[in-house]
Amino acid sequence: MAAADFWLSDELLSALVPIAVYWVYAGIYTAIEPWCVNYRLHSKKEEDELNLVSRATVVKGVLLQQFLQVVAVLLLFQVTGGDGDGASAVQQPSSYIDIARRFVIAMVVMDTYHYFFHRFVLHNKYLYKHIHSQHHRLVVPYPFGAIYSHVIEAFLADTVSSSLALLISGMSARTSIFFFSFATIKNVDDHCGVLLPGNPFHIFFQNTTVYHGIHHELHGTKYNFSQPFFNIWDRIFGTHMPYSIEKKAEGGFQVRLTKDQKED
């Protein structure tokens, strides 16, 4: 492949565009933060007191993971036979219905893998202590900290789940640009900690900012494992934590759990 063809290839765009989308979308939430006091799930004071890692450390950790993800995606396309012109070894979808079908398959694959992997690394004390606990240093998540985690978990959770979603759904490199960008936006939104009115993710999905936010809190770590789209696996296996949302007098929202927690 010529150098010019490589830099314009769907395979490279599939790796780079979701990263650009990640920082643009997270940057929007960060920029409007001063005007979101009345829509936050946690106050700025709680964010400063509860989080065990600085914003700078989170940014550096995310950039490292994204670099490794780019390498992994490009290697995946090399293995699957991508030729750089948008017609990889996986067949190009022939209609919007076919694209939608592949999107749904990829979403189910990603959700299924994430649920069981997420639940396993949290219940395994060794893996939680040495790997998964890094992500939970963000009790009050930052939007740009959506994929902040140990590099081993970043590979086993994000890279592997994305690769499986791509291969099992059979989507092309070009289609994957849109799918992974959409998944990235959803993941950032789940970690934004803000309930803006009219947010379509809170209208069309039950797995929302609040739903995943409960999992990040100390009393909710053994619930709401599902991510990033649906919560069907939590409901099937009894790890779904229902909740109610109340408006606080001083501004923002208070999330209250509506069922007793089980002691392990």
Protein backbone atom coordinates (compact mmCIF):
# COMPACT_ATOMS: atom_id res chain seq x y z
CA MET A 1 0.00 0.00 0.00
CA ALA A 2 1.36 3.44 -0.93
CA ALA A 3 1.92 5.89 1.92
CA ALA A 4 -0.81 8.23 0.63
CA ASP A 5 -3.28 5.36 0.40
CA PHE A 6 -2.47 4.26 3.94
CA TRP A 7 -3.18 7.69 5.46
CA LEU A 8 -6.55 7.81 3.70
CA SER A 9 -7.49 4.18 4.31
CA ASP A 10 -10.67 3.14 6.11
CA GLU A 11 -8.56 0.91 8.35
CA LEU A 12 -6.52 3.82 9.70
CA LEU A 13 -9.60 6.03 10.00
CA SER A 14 -11.31 3.26 11.98
CA ALA A 15 -8.50 3.53 14.50
CA LEU A 16 -8.09 7.32 14.59
CA VAL A 17 -11.57 8.81 14.16
CA PRO A 18 -13.01 7.31 17.41
CA ILE A 19 -10.04 8.82 19.28
CA ALA A 20 -10.76 12.25 17.84
CA VAL A 21 -14.45 11.80 18.68
CA TYR A 22 -13.50 10.81 22.24
CA TRP A 23 -11.59 14.03 22.93
CA VAL A 24 -14.06 16.30 21.12
CA TYR A 25 -17.09 14.91 22.97
CA ALA A 26 -15.31 14.76 26.33
CA GLY A 27 -13.98 18.26 25.67
CA ILE A 28 -17.50 19.58 25.15
CA TYR A 29 -18.61 18.25 28.53
CA THR A 30 -15.48 19.65 30.17
CA ALA A 31 -15.98 23.05 28.55
CA ILE A 32 -19.61 23.40 29.68
CA GLU A 33 -18.87 22.12 33.19
CA PRO A 34 -19.21 25.57 34.86
CA TRP A 35 -22.78 25.86 33.52
CA CYS A 36 -23.86 22.36 34.58
CA VAL A 37 -24.02 22.77 38.34
CA ASN A 38 -27.76 22.16 38.38
CA TYR A 39 -27.44 18.96 36.34
CA ARG A 40 -24.52 17.22 38.07
CA LEU A 41 -24.82 13.93 39.96
CA HIS A 42 -21.93 14.97 42.22
CA SER A 43 -20.68 18.37 43.26
CA LYS A 44 -17.22 19.64 42.35
CA LYS A 45 -16.28 19.26 46.02
CA GLU A 46 -17.26 15.59 45.99
CA GLU A 47 -15.26 15.10 42.80
CA ASP A 48 -12.13 16.58 44.40
CA GLU A 49 -12.56 14.67 47.67
CA LEU A 50 -13.57 11.24 46.38
CA ASN A 51 -11.39 10.75 43.32
CA LEU A 52 -8.04 9.10 44.01
CA VAL A 53 -6.28 10.19 40.83
CA SER A 54 -5.64 13.61 39.27
CA ARG A 55 -7.00 14.82 35.95
CA ALA A 56 -3.49 15.00 34.50
CA THR A 57 -2.80 11.38 35.40
CA VAL A 58 -6.09 10.33 33.80
CA VAL A 59 -5.28 12.17 30.58
CA LYS A 60 -1.83 10.58 30.33
CA GLY A 61 -3.26 7.13 31.03
CA VAL A 62 -5.95 7.51 28.37
CA LEU A 63 -3.46 8.72 25.74
CA LEU A 64 -1.26 5.69 26.38
CA GLN A 65 -4.21 3.34 26.00
CA GLN A 66 -5.35 5.02 22.80
CA PHE A 67 -1.90 4.66 21.28
CA LEU A 68 -1.91 0.95 22.07
CA GLN A 69 -5.44 0.61 20.69
CA VAL A 70 -4.40 2.16 17.37
CA VAL A 71 -1.60 -0.37 17.08
CA ALA A 72 -3.99 -3.23 17.93
CA VAL A 73 -6.64 -2.11 15.42
CA LEU A 74 -4.15 -1.81 12.59
CA LEU A 75 -2.73 -5.23 13.38
CA LEU A 76 -6.26 -6.66 13.40
CA PHE A 77 -6.95 -5.33 9.92
CA GLN A 78 -3.64 -6.71 8.71
CA VAL A 79 -4.58 -10.15 10.03
CA THR A 80 -8.09 -10.00 8.54
CA GLY A 81 -6.78 -8.86 5.18
CA GLY A 82 -7.77 -5.18 4.95
CA ASP A 83 -6.46 -3.70 1.71
CA GLY A 84 -6.79 -0.03 2.61
CA ASP A 85 -9.46 0.95 0.08
CA GLY A 86 -12.53 0.39 2.25
CA ALA A 87 -13.11 -3.14 0.95
CA SER A 88 -11.50 -5.23 3.62
CA ALA A 89 -11.73 -8.99 3.83
CA VAL A 90 -15.06 -8.47 5.55
CA GLN A 91 -17.81 -7.85 3.00
CA GLN A 92 -19.03 -4.30 2.49
CA PRO A 93 -22.69 -3.98 3.62
CA SER A 94 -25.07 -3.53 0.69
CA SER A 95 -27.86 -1.55 2.38
CA TYR A 96 -28.71 0.57 5.41
CA ILE A 97 -30.73 -2.35 6.78
CA ASP A 98 -27.66 -4.55 6.56
CA ILE A 99 -25.55 -1.89 8.26
CA ALA A 100 -28.14 -1.58 11.05
CA ARG A 101 -28.18 -5.35 11.48
CA ARG A 102 -24.41 -5.43 11.84
CA PHE A 103 -24.58 -2.54 14.31
CA VAL A 104 -27.03 -4.47 16.49
CA ILE A 105 -24.92 -7.64 16.35
CA ALA A 106 -21.81 -5.68 17.30
CA MET A 107 -23.65 -4.00 20.18
CA VAL A 108 -24.83 -7.36 21.55
CA VAL A 109 -21.35 -8.88 21.24
CA MET A 110 -19.70 -5.91 22.94
CA ASP A 111 -22.29 -5.80 25.75
CA THR A 112 -22.06 -9.54 26.37
CA TYR A 113 -18.27 -9.58 26.55
CA HIS A 114 -18.11 -6.48 28.73
CA TYR A 115 -20.67 -7.77 31.22
CA PHE A 116 -18.98 -11.09 31.94
CA PHE A 117 -15.45 -9.70 31.84
CA HIS A 118 -16.42 -6.74 34.03
CA ARG A 119 -18.14 -8.94 36.58
CA PHE A 120 -15.24 -11.41 36.66
CA VAL A 121 -12.48 -8.84 37.27
CA LEU A 122 -14.48 -7.17 40.00
CA HIS A 123 -15.34 -10.35 41.91
CA ASN A 124 -11.83 -11.76 41.59
CA LYS A 125 -10.03 -10.05 44.48
CA TYR A 126 -6.58 -10.34 42.93
CA LEU A 127 -7.63 -8.95 39.55
CA TYR A 128 -9.63 -6.18 41.17
CA LYS A 129 -6.77 -5.11 43.43
CA HIS A 130 -4.06 -5.18 40.78
CA ILE A 131 -5.99 -4.28 37.61
CA HIS A 132 -9.63 -3.18 37.75
CA SER A 133 -9.28 -0.96 40.82
CA GLN A 134 -7.38 1.56 38.67
CA HIS A 135 -10.58 2.48 36.83
CA HIS A 136 -12.45 2.73 40.14
CA ARG A 137 -10.06 5.35 41.43
CA LEU A 138 -12.57 7.60 39.68
CA VAL A 139 -15.49 7.47 42.09
CA VAL A 140 -16.84 10.56 40.37
CA PRO A 141 -15.83 9.89 36.75
CA TYR A 142 -14.48 12.58 34.44
CA PRO A 143 -15.88 12.54 30.88
CA PHE A 144 -12.34 12.12 29.52
CA GLY A 145 -11.72 9.27 31.98
CA ALA A 146 -14.20 6.90 30.33
CA ILE A 147 -11.47 4.46 29.22
CA TYR A 148 -8.99 5.19 32.00
CA SER A 149 -7.86 1.80 33.28
CA HIS A 150 -4.90 -0.54 33.63
CA VAL A 151 -3.24 -1.26 30.27
CA ILE A 152 -3.93 -4.97 30.67
CA GLU A 153 -7.62 -4.32 31.24
CA ALA A 154 -7.67 -1.86 28.34
CA PHE A 155 -6.51 -4.64 26.06
CA LEU A 156 -8.64 -7.46 27.49
CA ALA A 157 -11.79 -5.37 27.83
CA ASP A 158 -11.80 -2.70 25.13
CA THR A 159 -9.51 -4.06 22.41
CA VAL A 160 -10.72 -7.66 22.60
CA SER A 161 -14.41 -6.72 22.79
CA SER A 162 -14.06 -4.34 19.85
CA SER A 163 -12.22 -6.97 17.81
CA LEU A 164 -14.89 -9.58 18.54
CA ALA A 165 -17.66 -7.12 17.68
CA LEU A 166 -15.96 -6.33 14.39
CA LEU A 167 -15.30 -9.95 13.40
CA ILE A 168 -18.61 -11.48 14.51
CA SER A 169 -20.75 -8.70 13.02
CA GLY A 170 -18.81 -8.87 9.74
CA MET A 171 -18.88 -5.10 9.32
CA SER A 172 -16.43 -3.44 6.95
CA ALA A 173 -13.65 -1.11 8.02
CA ARG A 174 -15.71 1.83 6.75
CA THR A 175 -18.77 0.83 8.76
CA SER A 176 -16.62 0.27 11.84
CA ILE A 177 -15.58 3.95 11.76
CA PHE A 178 -19.17 4.91 12.53
CA PHE A 179 -19.85 2.07 14.96
CA PHE A 180 -16.77 2.65 17.11
CA SER A 181 -17.34 6.41 17.06
CA PHE A 182 -20.90 5.83 18.29
CA ALA A 183 -19.68 3.41 20.99
CA THR A 184 -17.08 5.98 22.04
CA ILE A 185 -19.67 8.74 22.40
CA LYS A 186 -21.90 6.43 24.45
CA ASN A 187 -19.02 5.44 26.73
CA VAL A 188 -18.00 9.06 27.35
CA ASP A 189 -21.62 9.99 28.03
CA ASP A 190 -21.89 7.19 30.60
CA HIS A 191 -18.98 8.74 32.50
CA CYS A 192 -19.91 12.43 32.17
CA GLY A 193 -21.76 12.67 35.50
CA VAL A 194 -24.22 15.19 34.06
CA LEU A 195 -27.93 14.79 33.33
CA LEU A 196 -28.59 17.33 30.63
CA PRO A 197 -32.27 17.61 29.64
CA GLY A 198 -33.13 16.07 26.29
CA ASN A 199 -30.03 13.85 26.16
CA PRO A 200 -31.03 11.17 23.59
CA PHE A 201 -28.89 8.54 25.33
CA HIS A 202 -31.07 8.93 28.43
CA ILE A 203 -34.21 8.63 26.32
CA PHE A 204 -33.37 5.59 24.21
CA PHE A 205 -31.08 3.64 26.56
CA GLN A 206 -31.59 2.34 30.10
CA ASN A 207 -27.83 2.06 30.57
CA THR A 208 -27.15 5.73 31.26
CA THR A 209 -24.92 8.15 33.13
CA VAL A 210 -26.81 7.40 36.34
CA TYR A 211 -26.85 3.64 35.78
CA HIS A 212 -23.09 3.41 35.33
CA GLY A 213 -22.44 6.12 37.90
CA ILE A 214 -23.96 3.87 40.58
CA HIS A 215 -21.41 1.21 39.69
CA HIS A 216 -18.55 3.67 40.32
CA GLU A 217 -19.76 4.52 43.80
CA LEU A 218 -18.50 2.43 46.73
CA HIS A 219 -21.95 1.03 47.51
CA GLY A 220 -22.63 0.05 43.92
CA THR A 221 -19.49 -1.67 42.65
CA LYS A 222 -21.14 -5.11 42.64
CA TYR A 223 -24.09 -3.95 40.59
CA ASN A 224 -24.75 -2.50 37.13
CA PHE A 225 -21.90 -4.24 35.32
CA SER A 226 -23.52 -3.81 31.91
CA GLN A 227 -21.80 -1.50 29.47
CA PRO A 228 -22.05 0.37 27.19
CA PHE A 229 -25.47 -0.05 25.57
CA PHE A 230 -28.08 -2.21 27.32
CA ASN A 231 -28.61 -3.63 30.81
CA ILE A 232 -30.23 -6.93 29.86
CA TRP A 233 -27.46 -9.07 31.39
CA ASP A 234 -27.76 -7.28 34.73
CA ARG A 235 -31.49 -7.98 34.74
CA ILE A 236 -31.03 -11.65 33.81
CA PHE A 237 -28.39 -12.33 36.47
CA GLY A 238 -29.81 -10.19 39.28
CA THR A 239 -27.07 -7.53 39.35
CA HIS A 240 -29.38 -4.72 38.28
CA MET A 241 -29.66 -1.95 40.87
CA PRO A 242 -32.82 0.15 40.37
CA TYR A 243 -32.79 3.76 41.48
CA SER A 244 -34.71 7.00 41.71
CA ILE A 245 -33.46 10.51 41.00
CA GLU A 246 -34.27 13.50 43.20
CA LYS A 247 -33.49 17.16 42.72
CA LYS A 248 -31.26 18.63 45.45
CA ALA A 249 -32.14 22.00 46.93
CA GLU A 250 -28.57 23.28 46.50
CA GLY A 251 -28.51 22.19 42.84
CA GLY A 252 -27.81 18.98 41.03
CA PHE A 253 -29.33 15.56 41.53
CA GLN A 254 -29.36 12.91 44.24
CA VAL A 255 -29.53 9.25 43.20
CA ARG A 256 -31.25 6.91 45.65
CA LEU A 257 -31.09 3.12 45.41
CA THR A 258 -34.49 1.42 45.57
CA LYS A 259 -33.55 -2.08 46.65
CA ASP A 260 -31.43 -3.46 49.48
CA GLN A 261 -27.87 -4.41 48.66
CA LYS A 262 -26.65 -7.94 49.20
CA GLU A 263 -23.73 -8.51 51.48
CA ASP A 264 -20.98 -10.72 50.01
